[in-house]
Protein backbone atom coordinates (compact mmCIF):
# COMPACT_ATOMS: atom_id res chain seq x y z
CA MET A 1 13.96 -38.78 -26.26
CA PRO A 2 16.33 -37.70 -23.21
CA THR A 3 16.36 -40.17 -20.40
CA SER A 4 15.70 -39.55 -16.59
CA SER A 5 19.23 -38.97 -16.21
CA THR A 6 20.12 -36.80 -18.39
CA LYS A 7 16.30 -34.24 -17.24
CA LYS A 8 18.38 -34.58 -14.04
CA ILE A 9 21.60 -33.49 -15.10
CA PHE A 10 19.34 -30.36 -16.78
CA ILE A 11 17.96 -30.00 -13.74
CA ILE A 12 20.81 -29.88 -11.81
CA ILE A 13 22.56 -27.04 -13.95
CA ILE A 14 20.12 -24.59 -14.57
CA ALA A 15 19.77 -25.03 -10.78
CA LEU A 16 23.30 -24.60 -10.07
CA ASN A 17 23.38 -21.46 -13.00
CA LEU A 18 20.51 -19.68 -10.64
CA SER A 19 22.92 -19.78 -7.80
CA LEU A 20 25.78 -18.60 -9.54
CA GLN A 21 23.36 -16.06 -10.22
CA VAL A 22 22.40 -14.76 -7.32
CA LEU A 23 26.05 -14.99 -5.16
CA ALA A 24 27.38 -12.47 -8.37
CA GLN A 25 24.56 -10.60 -7.63
CA ASN A 26 25.35 -10.39 -3.95
CA ASN A 27 28.67 -10.40 -4.50
CA THR A 28 28.83 -6.95 -4.97
CA GLY A 29 29.46 -5.15 -2.15
CA ILE A 30 25.87 -3.02 -1.83
CA PRO A 31 24.62 -3.73 1.45
CA ALA A 32 20.61 -5.63 1.55
CA LEU A 33 20.83 -6.07 -2.30
CA LEU A 34 18.81 -9.20 -3.00
CA GLY A 35 19.82 -9.07 -6.37
CA ILE A 36 19.34 -7.23 -9.94
CA VAL A 37 18.79 -7.63 -13.63
CA GLY A 38 18.35 -6.28 -16.07
CA ASP A 39 21.42 -2.89 -17.37
CA THR A 40 22.52 -2.44 -14.73
CA SER A 41 23.56 1.37 -15.59
CA ASP A 42 21.86 4.27 -14.53
CA VAL A 43 19.79 5.87 -16.46
CA THR A 44 18.15 9.77 -16.39
CA VAL A 45 14.45 9.80 -18.00
CA LYS A 46 11.48 11.91 -17.25
CA THR A 47 9.22 10.58 -15.34
CA GLN A 48 5.50 11.00 -13.88
CA SER A 49 4.25 10.55 -9.62
CA GLY A 50 1.99 8.04 -9.14
CA ILE A 51 0.60 5.90 -5.86
CA CYS A 52 -0.49 2.27 -6.20
CA LEU A 53 -2.06 1.04 -2.78
CA ILE A 54 -2.59 -2.69 -3.19
CA GLY A 55 -4.52 -4.63 -1.00
CA GLY A 56 -2.38 -7.56 -0.86
CA GLY A 57 -3.11 -11.16 -1.75
CA GLY A 58 -0.96 -11.56 -4.58
CA ASP A 59 -0.34 -9.48 -7.61
CA VAL A 60 -1.88 -6.79 -10.14
CA PRO A 61 -0.09 -6.55 -13.40
CA SER A 62 -2.06 -3.73 -14.64
CA ALA A 63 -1.40 -1.39 -11.46
CA PHE A 64 2.24 -2.77 -11.87
CA LYS A 65 2.03 -1.50 -15.71
CA TRP A 66 0.77 1.94 -14.86
CA MET A 67 3.62 2.38 -12.21
CA ILE A 68 5.72 1.54 -15.64
CA SER A 69 3.81 3.92 -17.73
CA ARG A 70 4.94 6.99 -14.60
CA SER A 71 8.85 5.44 -14.84
CA GLY A 72 9.62 6.84 -18.38
CA GLY A 73 11.74 3.01 -18.53
CA GLY A 74 14.28 3.84 -15.60
CA ASP A 75 15.22 2.36 -12.85
CA VAL A 76 13.13 -0.14 -10.64
CA VAL A 77 13.47 -0.22 -6.37
CA VAL A 78 11.96 -2.55 -4.40
CA ILE A 79 11.93 -2.66 -0.63
CA THR A 80 11.48 -4.93 1.83
CA ALA A 81 12.29 -5.89 5.08
CA SER A 82 11.66 -9.69 4.83
CA GLY A 83 14.50 -11.26 2.61
CA ASN A 84 12.45 -12.09 -0.68
CA ALA A 85 13.91 -10.44 -4.35
CA ASP A 86 10.41 -12.17 -6.31
CA TYR A 87 9.53 -9.24 -7.43
CA ASN A 88 12.74 -8.92 -9.77
CA LYS A 89 11.89 -11.12 -12.56
CA ASP A 90 7.62 -10.42 -12.24
CA ILE A 91 8.80 -6.61 -12.71
CA TYR A 92 11.41 -6.93 -15.36
CA GLU A 93 9.07 -9.48 -17.40
CA LEU A 94 6.39 -7.26 -17.64
CA GLY A 95 8.42 -4.90 -20.18
CA GLY A 96 8.85 -1.49 -20.19
CA VAL A 97 12.50 -1.03 -17.54
CA ASN A 98 16.07 -0.29 -17.52
CA SER A 99 16.12 -2.64 -14.45
CA VAL A 100 14.82 -4.23 -10.90
CA GLU A 101 17.05 -4.72 -7.74
CA THR A 102 15.35 -5.17 -4.36
CA LEU A 103 17.10 -4.08 -1.01
CA ASN A 104 16.04 -5.88 1.93
CA ILE A 105 16.59 -3.10 4.65
CA THR A 106 16.33 -5.01 7.81
CA SER A 107 17.63 -2.80 10.42
CA HIS A 108 17.88 0.84 11.53
CA ASP A 109 21.74 1.20 10.55
CA LEU A 110 20.72 -0.62 7.08
CA GLY A 111 17.99 1.81 7.03
CA ASP A 112 20.93 5.08 7.29
CA ASN A 113 22.66 4.19 5.36
CA ASP A 114 24.26 5.91 2.41
CA THR A 115 24.79 3.88 -0.33
CA ILE A 116 21.10 2.54 0.41
CA ALA A 117 19.85 6.24 0.23
CA ASN A 118 21.34 7.30 -3.14
CA ILE A 119 20.37 3.64 -4.82
CA ILE A 120 16.56 4.23 -3.67
CA ARG A 121 17.21 8.40 -4.69
CA ASN A 122 18.16 7.21 -8.22
CA ALA A 123 15.39 5.14 -8.78
CA GLU A 124 12.23 6.40 -11.20
CA MET A 125 9.76 4.07 -10.44
CA LEU A 126 9.60 2.53 -6.34
CA PHE A 127 7.99 -0.55 -4.48
CA ILE A 128 7.78 -1.44 -1.37
CA ALA A 129 6.78 -4.81 -0.76
CA GLY A 130 4.67 -7.02 1.87
CA GLY A 131 5.54 -8.30 5.13
CA ASP A 132 5.20 -6.40 8.80
CA GLN A 133 4.79 -3.02 8.34
CA SER A 134 6.67 -2.73 12.09
CA ARG A 135 9.45 -3.74 10.63
CA TYR A 136 9.01 -0.86 8.26
CA MET A 137 8.28 1.68 10.96
CA ASN A 138 11.16 0.36 13.28
CA PHE A 139 13.60 0.09 10.60
CA TRP A 140 13.10 2.91 8.07
CA ARG A 141 11.65 5.14 10.78
CA GLY A 142 14.03 8.63 11.29
CA THR A 143 16.72 7.92 8.75
CA LYS A 144 17.98 8.30 5.15
CA THR A 145 15.82 5.51 4.12
CA GLN A 146 12.72 7.22 5.46
CA GLU A 147 14.04 10.74 3.84
CA ALA A 148 15.17 9.63 0.31
CA ILE A 149 11.36 7.87 -0.03
CA ASN A 150 10.04 10.85 0.63
CA TYR A 151 12.26 12.58 -1.63
CA LEU A 152 10.83 10.18 -4.73
CA LEU A 153 7.50 10.89 -3.32
CA ASN A 154 7.44 14.61 -3.49
CA VAL A 155 10.84 16.51 -5.17
CA LYS A 156 11.91 14.06 -7.82
CA LYS A 157 7.74 12.76 -8.24
CA VAL A 158 8.12 9.25 -9.14
CA PRO A 159 5.41 6.35 -8.59
CA VAL A 160 5.72 5.08 -5.79
CA GLY A 161 3.24 1.60 -5.09
CA GLY A 162 2.79 -0.63 -2.45
CA THR A 163 0.84 -3.51 -1.03
CA SER A 164 -0.01 -5.11 2.09
CA ALA A 165 1.81 -4.08 4.59
CA GLY A 166 3.84 -1.58 1.56
CA CYS A 167 -0.45 0.08 1.44
CA ALA A 168 -0.39 0.25 5.04
CA ILE A 169 2.65 3.06 5.50
CA LEU A 170 2.60 4.81 2.37
CA SER A 171 -1.07 6.53 4.02
CA GLY A 172 -0.05 9.55 6.46
CA ILE A 173 -2.13 8.13 9.25
CA TYR A 174 -1.37 4.20 9.61
CA TYR A 175 -1.83 0.91 11.96
CA SER A 176 2.09 -0.72 12.36
CA GLY A 177 0.50 -4.14 13.93
CA GLU A 178 3.22 -4.08 15.79
CA GLU A 179 1.64 -6.27 18.85
CA GLY A 180 -0.03 -8.46 16.31
CA SER A 181 -3.09 -8.01 13.90
CA VAL A 182 -5.79 -7.36 15.65
CA ILE A 183 -9.53 -8.20 13.56
CA SER A 184 -12.77 -6.48 13.87
CA ASP A 185 -14.91 -8.19 16.27
CA GLU A 186 -12.68 -7.20 19.03
CA VAL A 187 -12.02 -3.72 18.03
CA LEU A 188 -15.55 -2.67 16.99
CA ASN A 189 -16.76 -4.63 20.66
CA ASN A 190 -13.18 -2.60 22.58
CA PRO A 191 -12.08 0.60 19.61
CA TYR A 192 -9.42 1.12 22.69
CA ILE A 193 -7.94 -2.64 23.02
CA PRO A 194 -3.85 -3.12 23.77
CA GLY A 195 -3.00 -3.56 19.16
CA VAL A 196 -4.39 -0.74 17.85
CA THR A 197 -1.01 0.95 18.04
CA LEU A 198 -1.30 3.88 15.30
CA TYR A 199 0.97 6.22 14.48
CA ASN A 200 0.04 9.92 12.35
CA ASN A 201 2.53 11.32 10.18
CA ASP A 202 6.12 10.26 11.24
CA LEU A 203 7.28 8.34 8.36
CA LEU A 204 6.09 8.76 4.56
CA ARG A 205 4.31 11.61 3.17
CA ALA A 206 2.50 10.71 0.14
CA PRO A 207 0.70 13.43 -1.35
CA PHE A 208 -3.00 13.76 -0.96
CA LEU A 209 -2.49 10.71 1.74
CA GLN A 210 -1.55 12.48 4.67
CA ASN A 211 -5.19 12.58 5.40
CA VAL A 212 -5.76 9.17 4.98
CA ILE A 213 -5.29 5.89 7.00
CA THR A 214 -5.35 2.93 4.91
CA ASP A 215 -6.48 -0.76 5.04
CA GLN A 216 -6.05 -4.36 2.88
CA HIS A 217 -7.03 -7.70 2.32
CA TYR A 218 -10.53 -5.85 3.44
CA LEU A 219 -13.20 -7.86 2.06
CA THR A 220 -10.92 -11.14 2.37
CA ARG A 221 -9.93 -10.84 5.77
CA LYS A 222 -13.71 -8.87 6.92
CA ARG A 223 -11.63 -6.05 7.81
CA GLU A 224 -14.06 -3.13 7.45
CA GLY A 225 -15.05 -2.32 11.17
CA ARG A 226 -11.56 -2.65 12.80
CA HIS A 227 -10.93 0.41 10.07
CA ILE A 228 -13.47 2.62 10.98
CA SER A 229 -13.05 1.65 14.18
CA PHE A 230 -9.30 3.28 13.92
CA MET A 231 -10.72 6.36 11.90
CA ALA A 232 -12.47 6.70 15.13
CA ARG A 233 -10.18 6.19 17.59
CA ILE A 234 -8.55 8.79 15.67
CA ILE A 235 -11.21 11.68 15.46
CA LYS A 236 -11.84 11.03 19.79
CA ASP A 237 -7.30 10.45 20.03
CA TRP A 238 -6.00 13.30 17.86
CA GLY A 239 -9.16 15.56 16.62
CA ILE A 240 -8.94 14.55 13.31
CA PHE A 241 -11.26 14.04 11.20
CA PRO A 242 -9.30 11.33 8.53
CA GLU A 243 -10.56 9.21 5.29
CA GLY A 244 -10.17 5.57 4.17
CA ILE A 245 -8.99 3.92 1.82
CA ALA A 246 -9.06 0.11 1.36
CA PRO A 247 -8.59 -2.16 -2.06
CA ASN A 248 -9.34 -5.48 -1.14
CA GLU A 249 -6.54 -8.40 -2.14
CA ARG A 250 -5.75 -8.34 -5.79
CA THR A 251 -6.51 -4.72 -6.52
CA ALA A 252 -5.43 -2.02 -6.78
CA VAL A 253 -5.86 1.82 -6.32
CA CYS A 254 -3.51 4.29 -8.55
CA ILE A 255 -3.95 7.34 -7.91
CA ASP A 256 -1.93 10.48 -10.32
CA GLU A 257 -0.24 13.73 -10.09
CA ASN A 258 -3.91 15.14 -9.93
CA GLY A 259 -5.30 13.20 -6.79
CA SER A 260 -7.73 11.19 -9.33
CA ALA A 261 -8.03 7.23 -8.60
CA VAL A 262 -8.55 4.89 -10.59
CA VAL A 263 -8.89 0.70 -9.64
CA PHE A 264 -7.13 -1.71 -11.48
CA GLY A 265 -7.98 -5.45 -10.43
CA ASP A 266 -9.95 -8.53 -9.45
CA SER A 267 -12.03 -7.24 -6.33
CA LYS A 268 -13.55 -4.35 -4.76
CA ALA A 269 -11.47 -0.79 -3.58
CA TYR A 270 -13.38 1.25 -0.59
CA PHE A 271 -13.10 5.73 -0.55
CA ILE A 272 -13.94 6.46 2.92
CA TYR A 273 -15.21 9.41 3.90
CA SER A 274 -15.90 10.84 8.00
CA ASP A 275 -17.32 14.48 8.06
CA GLU A 276 -17.49 16.70 11.51
CA LYS A 277 -21.07 17.01 11.69
CA ASN A 278 -20.94 13.44 11.72
CA PRO A 279 -19.19 12.38 15.37
CA PRO A 280 -18.74 8.77 16.63
CA GLU A 281 -21.47 8.99 19.97
CA LYS A 282 -19.35 6.53 21.92
CA VAL A 283 -15.63 5.92 21.68
CA ILE A 284 -14.59 4.39 25.16
CA GLN A 285 -12.51 1.97 26.82
CA GLY A 286 -14.32 -0.84 27.40
CA GLU A 287 -17.20 -0.83 25.84
CA PRO A 288 -18.82 -0.81 22.12
CA LEU A 289 -18.00 1.36 19.51
CA GLU A 290 -21.19 3.49 18.80
CA TRP A 291 -20.94 5.54 15.75
CA ILE A 292 -24.47 5.51 14.66
CA CYS A 293 -25.58 9.49 13.58
CA ASN A 294 -29.13 9.20 12.45
CA LYS A 295 -27.74 5.47 9.96
CA LYS A 296 -25.51 8.11 8.27
CA ALA A 297 -21.60 8.29 9.81
CA LEU A 298 -19.87 7.15 6.82
CA HIS A 299 -20.10 8.24 3.49
CA VAL A 300 -18.51 5.15 1.25
CA TYR A 301 -18.03 5.27 -2.48
CA GLU A 302 -17.28 1.36 -3.45
CA ILE A 303 -15.21 0.92 -7.19
CA GLN A 304 -15.20 -2.69 -8.64
CA GLY A 305 -11.88 -2.72 -10.73
CA SER A 306 -10.58 -4.36 -13.41
CA ASP A 307 -7.95 -4.87 -15.49
CA THR A 308 -8.24 -1.38 -17.49
CA GLY A 309 -8.80 0.46 -14.91
CA ALA A 310 -12.53 1.15 -13.21
CA GLY A 311 -13.83 4.19 -11.95
CA ASN A 312 -12.98 7.15 -10.96
CA PHE A 313 -12.41 8.92 -7.47
CA SER A 314 -10.92 12.49 -6.23
CA VAL A 315 -8.24 11.56 -3.80
CA ALA A 316 -7.65 14.81 -3.62
CA ASP A 317 -10.39 16.26 -1.91
CA PHE A 318 -13.22 13.20 -1.40
CA ASP A 319 -15.85 15.11 -3.47
CA ALA A 320 -19.05 12.91 -3.96
CA ASP A 321 -19.78 14.72 -6.80
CA LYS A 322 -16.26 13.81 -8.53
CA ALA A 323 -17.09 10.35 -7.58
CA SER A 324 -17.90 7.47 -11.11
CA GLY A 325 -18.49 4.19 -11.61
CA GLY A 326 -19.44 3.17 -8.33
CA ILE A 327 -21.39 2.62 -5.67
CA TRP A 328 -21.97 5.31 -2.90
CA TYR A 329 -23.44 3.39 0.73
CA TRP A 330 -24.21 4.85 4.12
CA TRP A 331 -21.94 2.76 7.01
CA TRP A 332 -22.55 3.02 10.97
CA ALA A 333 -21.39 1.80 13.69
CA ALA A 334 -24.06 -0.28 16.45
CA ASP A 335 -24.69 -3.47 18.83
CA ASP A 336 -21.06 -4.38 17.79
CA LYS A 337 -21.06 -5.18 14.21
CA LEU A 338 -20.94 -2.43 11.10
CA HIS A 339 -23.96 -1.66 9.22
CA LYS A 340 -24.31 -1.35 5.08
CA ASP A 341 -26.72 0.52 3.38
CA ILE A 342 -26.84 1.84 -0.62
CA ASP A 343 -27.46 5.80 -0.01
CA VAL A 344 -30.23 4.91 -2.82
CA GLU A 345 -30.56 9.64 -2.71
CA THR A 346 -26.31 9.63 -4.15
CA HIS A 347 -26.46 6.53 -5.47
CA SER A 348 -29.03 7.60 -8.90
CA ARG A 349 -27.85 10.68 -9.09
């Protein structure tokens, strides 16, 4: 039986071995590389497009498997701006890919680096980690990294996913959070508080998501109120009637090449439709949001996720008649609060 000293030596050896692996990975001369696992030789395989929106709060292995199934078994690139390579091991151990590497793109100069952009372009699957979406906006917008991601989304057509902050920037309209994260009570009370920083299609152009704003950690952090307040601002300020997609934590919305979405994971996801016939009644600086419309301001579809992928929703057109496996609600805002009712008529069809 090994002694306690032997165990300590064994642990030290393992730690040194891991450290040497990290050093070896970081001594490749590739800027921003945090590490790579698997076969470092590039492969060329057939891929299938898809978008994966994860609500943060933990991984959704079934959603990663969905992306891997569309990657053709090629090379996976994870991008971040917060210096963590944990996804290398997590994704690679799911099997079915040639390699996984993580790039930590922490400046505008790195975002505009040719080597980094080429690594992204050569990926057969891309995943944008969580963190702070304002860093992604500031470091990647207007760079070759932005161009490379959009190339994967629209030309090469590979599966692209993101969690939390990564999910936030995948929609065409996005909330940057650059002045700190706002909460529902604050924004329902005043949609024009300084922290509401919204941007319109100046970063990523994912298929079907140009008119969408996402939110994440949805039920856990009670973000429904702020999400519809963002949507009200978009209508008032830009004249755009947006849609919303919002997965809760440990939950993913996976959208195929036809714009058809299923929900993976432990919790729920929401699909929110705004209608030009039902604009918000009051979106004014310093006053509470009023969006009542006879208590039918926003039509909302809720799908409970599963390991095998639950429900179906057409993100391509937000057609209520194509939705299945979920529950329809009406949401409206009044008296500083968000209100919800089951849409009995649509639900009973």
